PDB file of all heavy atoms in Angstrom:
ATOM      1  N   PHE A   1     114.334 126.366 108.409  1.00  0.00           N
ATOM      2  CA  PHE A   1     115.782 127.054 108.258  1.00  0.00           C
ATOM      3  C   PHE A   1     115.874 128.193 109.225  1.00  0.00           C
ATOM      4  O   PHE A   1     117.007 128.701 109.255  1.00  0.00           O
ATOM      5  CB  PHE A   1     115.933 127.321 106.829  1.00  0.00           C
ATOM      6  CG  PHE A   1     115.829 126.193 105.921  1.00  0.00           C
ATOM      7  CD1 PHE A   1     114.601 125.997 105.112  1.00  0.00           C
ATOM      8  CD2 PHE A   1     116.859 125.251 105.813  1.00  0.00           C
ATOM      9  CE1 PHE A   1     114.598 124.939 104.290  1.00  0.00           C
ATOM     10  CE2 PHE A   1     116.811 124.140 105.014  1.00  0.00           C
ATOM     11  CZ  PHE A   1     115.523 123.959 104.177  1.00  0.00           C
ATOM     12  N   GLY A   2     114.780 128.736 109.892  1.00  0.00           N
ATOM     13  CA  GLY A   2     114.869 129.809 110.627  1.00  0.00           C
ATOM     14  C   GLY A   2     115.213 131.123 109.986  1.00  0.00           C
ATOM     15  O   GLY A   2     115.820 132.114 110.509  1.00  0.00           O
ATOM     16  N   LEU A   3     114.986 131.164 108.597  1.00  0.00           N
ATOM     17  CA  LEU A   3     115.281 132.274 107.874  1.00  0.00           C
ATOM     18  C   LEU A   3     113.980 132.780 107.125  1.00  0.00           C
ATOM     19  O   LEU A   3     113.138 132.052 106.687  1.00  0.00           O
ATOM     20  CB  LEU A   3     116.395 132.117 106.783  1.00  0.00           C
ATOM     21  CG  LEU A   3     117.743 131.845 107.366  1.00  0.00           C
ATOM     22  CD1 LEU A   3     118.653 131.360 106.161  1.00  0.00           C
ATOM     23  CD2 LEU A   3     118.282 133.028 108.228  1.00  0.00           C
ATOM     24  N   PHE A   4     113.961 134.201 106.879  1.00  0.00           N
ATOM     25  CA  PHE A   4     112.820 134.698 106.066  1.00  0.00           C
ATOM     26  C   PHE A   4     113.103 134.664 104.658  1.00  0.00           C
ATOM     27  O   PHE A   4     114.081 135.144 104.143  1.00  0.00           O
ATOM     28  CB  PHE A   4     112.542 136.187 106.537  1.00  0.00           C
ATOM     29  CG  PHE A   4     111.409 136.946 105.741  1.00  0.00           C
ATOM     30  CD1 PHE A   4     110.140 136.631 106.215  1.00  0.00           C
ATOM     31  CD2 PHE A   4     111.635 137.624 104.716  1.00  0.00           C
ATOM     32  CE1 PHE A   4     109.116 137.220 105.662  1.00  0.00           C
ATOM     33  CE2 PHE A   4     110.652 138.463 104.141  1.00  0.00           C
ATOM     34  CZ  PHE A   4     109.327 138.023 104.518  1.00  0.00           C
ATOM     35  N   PHE A   5     112.233 134.050 103.943  1.00  0.00           N
ATOM     36  CA  PHE A   5     112.336 133.936 102.412  1.00  0.00           C
ATOM     37  C   PHE A   5     111.892 135.134 101.863  1.00  0.00           C
ATOM     38  O   PHE A   5     110.725 135.545 101.893  1.00  0.00           O
ATOM     39  CB  PHE A   5     111.419 132.707 101.932  1.00  0.00           C
ATOM     40  CG  PHE A   5     111.593 132.467 100.566  1.00  0.00           C
ATOM     41  CD1 PHE A   5     112.718 131.592 100.048  1.00  0.00           C
ATOM     42  CD2 PHE A   5     110.779 132.967  99.602  1.00  0.00           C
ATOM     43  CE1 PHE A   5     112.679 131.325  98.693  1.00  0.00           C
ATOM     44  CE2 PHE A   5     110.807 132.654  98.331  1.00  0.00           C
ATOM     45  CZ  PHE A   5     111.872 131.758  97.837  1.00  0.00           C
ATOM     46  N   ASP A   6     112.703 135.744 101.076  1.00  0.00           N
ATOM     47  CA  ASP A   6     112.470 137.242 100.599  1.00  0.00           C
ATOM     48  C   ASP A   6     112.748 137.377  99.061  1.00  0.00           C
ATOM     49  O   ASP A   6     112.976 138.424  98.575  1.00  0.00           O
ATOM     50  CB  ASP A   6     113.231 138.281 101.278  1.00  0.00           C
ATOM     51  CG  ASP A   6     114.798 138.116 101.214  1.00  0.00           C
ATOM     52  OD1 ASP A   6     115.230 137.030 100.742  1.00  0.00           O
ATOM     53  OD2 ASP A   6     115.553 138.920 101.656  1.00  0.00           O
ATOM     54  N   ILE A   7     112.665 136.174  98.323  1.00  0.00           N
ATOM     55  CA  ILE A   7     112.869 136.390  96.884  1.00  0.00           C
ATOM     56  C   ILE A   7     111.704 136.054  96.062  1.00  0.00           C
ATOM     57  O   ILE A   7     110.745 135.400  96.721  1.00  0.00           O
ATOM     58  CB  ILE A   7     114.005 135.581  96.242  1.00  0.00           C
ATOM     59  CG1 ILE A   7     113.737 134.074  96.547  1.00  0.00           C
ATOM     60  CG2 ILE A   7     115.495 135.924  97.007  1.00  0.00           C
ATOM     61  CD1 ILE A   7     114.779 133.127  95.892  1.00  0.00           C
ATOM     62  N   PRO A   8     111.417 136.561  94.912  1.00  0.00           N
ATOM     63  CA  PRO A   8     110.101 136.237  94.213  1.00  0.00           C
ATOM     64  C   PRO A   8     109.958 134.776  93.913  1.00  0.00           C
ATOM     65  O   PRO A   8     110.884 134.081  93.661  1.00  0.00           O
ATOM     66  CB  PRO A   8     110.244 137.100  92.811  1.00  0.00           C
ATOM     67  CG  PRO A   8     111.434 138.103  93.179  1.00  0.00           C
ATOM     68  CD  PRO A   8     112.280 137.433  94.343  1.00  0.00           C
ATOM     69  N   VAL A   9     108.661 134.377  93.755  1.00  0.00           N
ATOM     70  CA  VAL A   9     108.200 133.086  93.370  1.00  0.00           C
ATOM     71  C   VAL A   9     107.464 133.245  92.182  1.00  0.00           C
ATOM     72  O   VAL A   9     106.566 134.036  92.016  1.00  0.00           O
ATOM     73  CB  VAL A   9     107.388 132.436  94.475  1.00  0.00           C
ATOM     74  CG1 VAL A   9     106.821 131.148  94.058  1.00  0.00           C
ATOM     75  CG2 VAL A   9     108.080 132.268  95.803  1.00  0.00           C
ATOM     76  N   VAL A  10     107.831 132.333  91.147  1.00  0.00           N
ATOM     77  CA  VAL A  10     107.254 132.508  89.734  1.00  0.00           C
ATOM     78  C   VAL A  10     106.681 131.176  89.519  1.00  0.00           C
ATOM     79  O   VAL A  10     107.286 130.056  89.584  1.00  0.00           O
ATOM     80  CB  VAL A  10     108.197 132.908  88.746  1.00  0.00           C
ATOM     81  CG1 VAL A  10     107.614 132.936  87.358  1.00  0.00           C
ATOM     82  CG2 VAL A  10     108.921 134.261  89.061  1.00  0.00           C
ATOM     83  N   ILE A  11     105.408 131.054  89.032  1.00  0.00           N
ATOM     84  CA  ILE A  11     104.815 129.847  88.405  1.00  0.00           C
ATOM     85  C   ILE A  11     105.294 129.922  87.012  1.00  0.00           C
ATOM     86  O   ILE A  11     104.683 130.611  86.183  1.00  0.00           O
ATOM     87  CB  ILE A  11     103.285 129.847  88.709  1.00  0.00           C
ATOM     88  CG1 ILE A  11     102.992 129.989  90.136  1.00  0.00           C
ATOM     89  CG2 ILE A  11     102.712 128.496  88.101  1.00  0.00           C
ATOM     90  CD1 ILE A  11     103.638 128.995  91.138  1.00  0.00           C
ATOM     91  N   ASN A  12     106.114 128.941  86.539  1.00  0.00           N
ATOM     92  CA  ASN A  12     106.623 128.986  85.138  1.00  0.00           C
ATOM     93  C   ASN A  12     105.952 127.802  84.328  1.00  0.00           C
ATOM     94  O   ASN A  12     106.352 126.653  84.605  1.00  0.00           O
ATOM     95  CB  ASN A  12     108.030 128.740  85.190  1.00  0.00           C
ATOM     96  CG  ASN A  12     108.742 128.961  83.933  1.00  0.00           C
ATOM     97  OD1 ASN A  12     107.967 128.910  82.866  1.00  0.00           O
ATOM     98  ND2 ASN A  12     109.974 129.183  83.897  1.00  0.00           N
ATOM     99  N   PRO A  13     105.043 127.922  83.621  1.00  0.00           N
ATOM    100  CA  PRO A  13     104.407 126.854  82.804  1.00  0.00           C
ATOM    101  C   PRO A  13     105.359 126.240  81.818  1.00  0.00           C
ATOM    102  O   PRO A  13     105.165 125.199  81.274  1.00  0.00           O
ATOM    103  CB  PRO A  13     103.276 127.597  82.111  1.00  0.00           C
ATOM    104  CG  PRO A  13     103.558 129.091  81.967  1.00  0.00           C
ATOM    105  CD  PRO A  13     104.451 129.276  83.184  1.00  0.00           C
ATOM    106  N   ARG A  14     106.692 126.830  81.490  1.00  0.00           N
ATOM    107  CA  ARG A  14     107.615 126.146  80.660  1.00  0.00           C
ATOM    108  C   ARG A  14     108.270 125.045  81.341  1.00  0.00           C
ATOM    109  O   ARG A  14     108.989 124.412  80.739  1.00  0.00           O
ATOM    110  CB  ARG A  14     108.584 127.251  80.253  1.00  0.00           C
ATOM    111  CG  ARG A  14     107.907 128.279  79.249  1.00  0.00           C
ATOM    112  CD  ARG A  14     108.915 129.234  78.862  1.00  0.00           C
ATOM    113  NE  ARG A  14     109.557 129.796  80.100  1.00  0.00           N
ATOM    114  CZ  ARG A  14     110.226 130.918  80.239  1.00  0.00           C
ATOM    115  NH1 ARG A  14     110.216 131.741  79.277  1.00  0.00           N
ATOM    116  NH2 ARG A  14     110.795 131.191  81.408  1.00  0.00           N
ATOM    117  N   LEU A  15     108.260 124.933  82.622  1.00  0.00           N
ATOM    118  CA  LEU A  15     108.854 123.817  83.412  1.00  0.00           C
ATOM    119  C   LEU A  15     108.102 122.503  83.098  1.00  0.00           C
ATOM    120  O   LEU A  15     107.050 122.353  83.653  1.00  0.00           O
ATOM    121  CB  LEU A  15     108.891 124.155  84.827  1.00  0.00           C
ATOM    122  CG  LEU A  15     109.919 125.403  85.302  1.00  0.00           C
ATOM    123  CD1 LEU A  15     109.880 125.481  86.868  1.00  0.00           C
ATOM    124  CD2 LEU A  15     111.252 125.272  84.708  1.00  0.00           C
ATOM    125  N   LYS A  16     108.674 121.727  82.299  1.00  0.00           N
ATOM    126  CA  LYS A  16     107.978 120.564  82.057  1.00  0.00           C
ATOM    127  C   LYS A  16     108.693 119.264  82.591  1.00  0.00           C
ATOM    128  O   LYS A  16     108.206 118.372  83.041  1.00  0.00           O
ATOM    129  CB  LYS A  16     108.060 120.153  80.431  1.00  0.00           C
ATOM    130  CG  LYS A  16     107.318 121.351  79.660  1.00  0.00           C
ATOM    131  CD  LYS A  16     105.776 121.456  79.987  1.00  0.00           C
ATOM    132  CE  LYS A  16     105.150 122.474  79.126  1.00  0.00           C
ATOM    133  NZ  LYS A  16     103.769 122.854  79.602  1.00  0.00           N
ATOM    134  N   ARG A  17     110.058 119.276  82.587  1.00  0.00           N
ATOM    135  CA  ARG A  17     110.891 118.134  83.085  1.00  0.00           C
ATOM    136  C   ARG A  17     111.416 118.427  84.564  1.00  0.00           C
ATOM    137  O   ARG A  17     111.816 117.480  85.127  1.00  0.00           O
ATOM    138  CB  ARG A  17     112.047 118.100  82.171  1.00  0.00           C
ATOM    139  CG  ARG A  17     111.811 117.659  80.786  1.00  0.00           C
ATOM    140  CD  ARG A  17     113.067 117.337  80.089  1.00  0.00           C
ATOM    141  NE  ARG A  17     112.810 117.078  78.634  1.00  0.00           N
ATOM    142  CZ  ARG A  17     113.647 116.727  77.801  1.00  0.00           C
ATOM    143  NH1 ARG A  17     114.958 116.591  78.213  1.00  0.00           N
ATOM    144  NH2 ARG A  17     113.284 116.581  76.601  1.00  0.00           N
ATOM    145  N   THR A  18     111.256 119.634  84.973  1.00  0.00           N
ATOM    146  CA  THR A  18     111.672 119.879  86.324  1.00  0.00           C
ATOM    147  C   THR A  18     110.451 120.540  87.079  1.00  0.00           C
ATOM    148  O   THR A  18     109.537 121.084  86.472  1.00  0.00           O
ATOM    149  CB  THR A  18     112.806 120.867  86.482  1.00  0.00           C
ATOM    150  OG1 THR A  18     113.327 120.966  87.697  1.00  0.00           O
ATOM    151  CG2 THR A  18     112.526 122.164  85.904  1.00  0.00           C
ATOM    152  N   LEU A  19     110.444 120.161  88.387  1.00  0.00           N
ATOM    153  CA  LEU A  19     109.248 120.602  89.240  1.00  0.00           C
ATOM    154  C   LEU A  19     109.516 121.957  89.798  1.00  0.00           C
ATOM    155  O   LEU A  19     108.530 122.625  90.021  1.00  0.00           O
ATOM    156  CB  LEU A  19     109.035 119.697  90.334  1.00  0.00           C
ATOM    157  CG  LEU A  19     108.657 118.174  89.830  1.00  0.00           C
ATOM    158  CD1 LEU A  19     108.366 117.283  90.993  1.00  0.00           C
ATOM    159  CD2 LEU A  19     107.465 118.146  88.864  1.00  0.00           C
ATOM    160  N   GLY A  20     110.680 122.430  89.867  1.00  0.00           N
ATOM    161  CA  GLY A  20     111.079 123.740  90.521  1.00  0.00           C
ATOM    162  C   GLY A  20     112.562 123.988  90.354  1.00  0.00           C
ATOM    163  O   GLY A  20     113.346 122.994  90.038  1.00  0.00           O
ATOM    164  N   ARG A  21     112.879 125.143  90.557  1.00  0.00           N
ATOM    165  CA  ARG A  21     114.321 125.541  90.549  1.00  0.00           C
ATOM    166  C   ARG A  21     114.517 126.808  91.110  1.00  0.00           C
ATOM    167  O   ARG A  21     113.560 127.685  91.201  1.00  0.00           O
ATOM    168  CB  ARG A  21     114.815 125.585  89.044  1.00  0.00           C
ATOM    169  CG  ARG A  21     114.147 126.704  88.133  1.00  0.00           C
ATOM    170  CD  ARG A  21     114.654 126.474  86.640  1.00  0.00           C
ATOM    171  NE  ARG A  21     114.038 127.527  85.864  1.00  0.00           N
ATOM    172  CZ  ARG A  21     114.150 127.496  84.621  1.00  0.00           C
ATOM    173  NH1 ARG A  21     114.867 126.713  83.881  1.00  0.00           N
ATOM    174  NH2 ARG A  21     113.511 128.437  83.832  1.00  0.00           N
ATOM    175  N   ILE A  22     115.759 127.021  91.484  1.00  0.00           N
ATOM    176  CA  ILE A  22     116.260 128.418  92.090  1.00  0.00           C
ATOM    177  C   ILE A  22     116.995 129.134  91.013  1.00  0.00           C
ATOM    178  O   ILE A  22     117.973 128.507  90.444  1.00  0.00           O
ATOM    179  CB  ILE A  22     117.013 128.226  93.376  1.00  0.00           C
ATOM    180  CG1 ILE A  22     116.220 127.762  94.527  1.00  0.00           C
ATOM    181  CG2 ILE A  22     117.701 129.600  93.755  1.00  0.00           C
ATOM    182  CD1 ILE A  22     115.216 128.735  95.083  1.00  0.00           C
ATOM    183  N   ILE A  23     116.531 130.322  90.659  1.00  0.00           N
ATOM    184  CA  ILE A  23     117.341 131.109  89.672  1.00  0.00           C
ATOM    185  C   ILE A  23     118.396 131.971  90.454  1.00  0.00           C
ATOM    186  O   ILE A  23     117.971 132.544  91.528  1.00  0.00           O
ATOM    187  CB  ILE A  23     116.480 131.978  88.801  1.00  0.00           C
ATOM    188  CG1 ILE A  23     115.421 131.173  88.037  1.00  0.00           C
ATOM    189  CG2 ILE A  23     117.410 132.786  87.819  1.00  0.00           C
ATOM    190  CD1 ILE A  23     116.007 130.101  87.120  1.00  0.00           C
ATOM    191  N   TYR A  24     119.659 131.927  90.183  1.00  0.00           N
ATOM    192  CA  TYR A  24     120.719 132.582  90.949  1.00  0.00           C
ATOM    193  C   TYR A  24     121.608 133.277  89.987  1.00  0.00           C
ATOM    194  O   TYR A  24     121.811 132.983  88.816  1.00  0.00           O
ATOM    195  CB  TYR A  24     121.412 131.598  91.906  1.00  0.00           C
ATOM    196  CG  TYR A  24     122.261 130.578  91.331  1.00  0.00           C
ATOM    197  CD1 TYR A  24     123.470 130.839  91.176  1.00  0.00           C
ATOM    198  CD2 TYR A  24     121.540 129.436  90.951  1.00  0.00           C
ATOM    199  CE1 TYR A  24     124.260 129.733  90.466  1.00  0.00           C
ATOM    200  CE2 TYR A  24     122.298 128.316  90.438  1.00  0.00           C
ATOM    201  CZ  TYR A  24     123.696 128.571  90.181  1.00  0.00           C
ATOM    202  OH  TYR A  24     124.418 127.482  89.608  1.00  0.00           O
ATOM    203  N   ARG A  25     122.367 134.276  90.659  1.00  0.00           N
ATOM    204  CA  ARG A  25     123.403 134.855  89.823  1.00  0.00           C
ATOM    205  C   ARG A  25     124.805 134.686  90.582  1.00  0.00           C
ATOM    206  O   ARG A  25     124.818 134.559  91.905  1.00  0.00           O
ATOM    207  CB  ARG A  25     123.221 136.409  89.576  1.00  0.00           C
ATOM    208  CG  ARG A  25     123.263 137.185  90.982  1.00  0.00           C
ATOM    209  CD  ARG A  25     122.894 138.650  90.558  1.00  0.00           C
ATOM    210  NE  ARG A  25     122.515 139.312  91.669  1.00  0.00           N
ATOM    211  CZ  ARG A  25     123.179 139.913  92.661  1.00  0.00           C
ATOM    212  NH1 ARG A  25     124.537 139.832  92.399  1.00  0.00           N
ATOM    213  NH2 ARG A  25     122.801 140.416  93.636  1.00  0.00           N
ATOM    214  N   LYS A  26     125.657 134.349  89.807  1.00  0.00           N
ATOM    215  CA  LYS A  26     127.141 134.091  90.409  1.00  0.00           C
ATOM    216  C   LYS A  26     128.116 135.388  90.311  1.00  0.00           C
ATOM    217  O   LYS A  26     128.052 135.887  89.278  1.00  0.00           O
ATOM    218  CB  LYS A  26     127.603 132.789  89.609  1.00  0.00           C
ATOM    219  CG  LYS A  26     128.845 132.315  90.156  1.00  0.00           C
ATOM    220  CD  LYS A  26     129.209 131.037  89.440  1.00  0.00           C
ATOM    221  CE  LYS A  26     130.302 130.190  90.189  1.00  0.00           C
ATOM    222  NZ  LYS A  26     130.567 129.013  89.469  1.00  0.00           N
ATOM    223  N   THR A  27     128.676 135.630  91.333  1.00  0.00           N
ATOM    224  CA  THR A  27     129.551 136.778  91.360  1.00  0.00           C
ATOM    225  C   THR A  27     130.938 136.393  92.009  1.00  0.00           C
ATOM    226  O   THR A  27     130.896 135.140  92.471  1.00  0.00           O
ATOM    227  CB  THR A  27     128.980 137.965  92.144  1.00  0.00           C
ATOM    228  OG1 THR A  27     129.030 137.664  93.632  1.00  0.00           O
ATOM    229  CG2 THR A  27     127.590 138.371  91.627  1.00  0.00           C
ATOM    230  N   LYS A  28     131.868 137.074  92.055  1.00  0.00           N
ATOM    231  CA  LYS A  28     133.151 136.874  92.858  1.00  0.00           C
ATOM    232  C   LYS A  28     132.864 136.632  94.259  1.00  0.00           C
ATOM    233  O   LYS A  28     133.512 135.792  94.936  1.00  0.00           O
ATOM    234  CB  LYS A  28     134.010 138.033  92.721  1.00  0.00           C
ATOM    235  CG  LYS A  28     134.586 138.269  91.295  1.00  0.00           C
ATOM    236  CD  LYS A  28     135.529 139.551  91.413  1.00  0.00           C
ATOM    237  CE  LYS A  28     135.565 140.126  89.982  1.00  0.00           C
ATOM    238  NZ  LYS A  28     136.376 141.370  89.956  1.00  0.00           N
TER     239      LYS A  28
END
């Protein structure tokens, strides 16, 4: 993608049905 990835990465043991996800916030 040619971009620097700069957000935290969390290993979440509660993820059972999904392998990964991006947590985001929605604003205007």
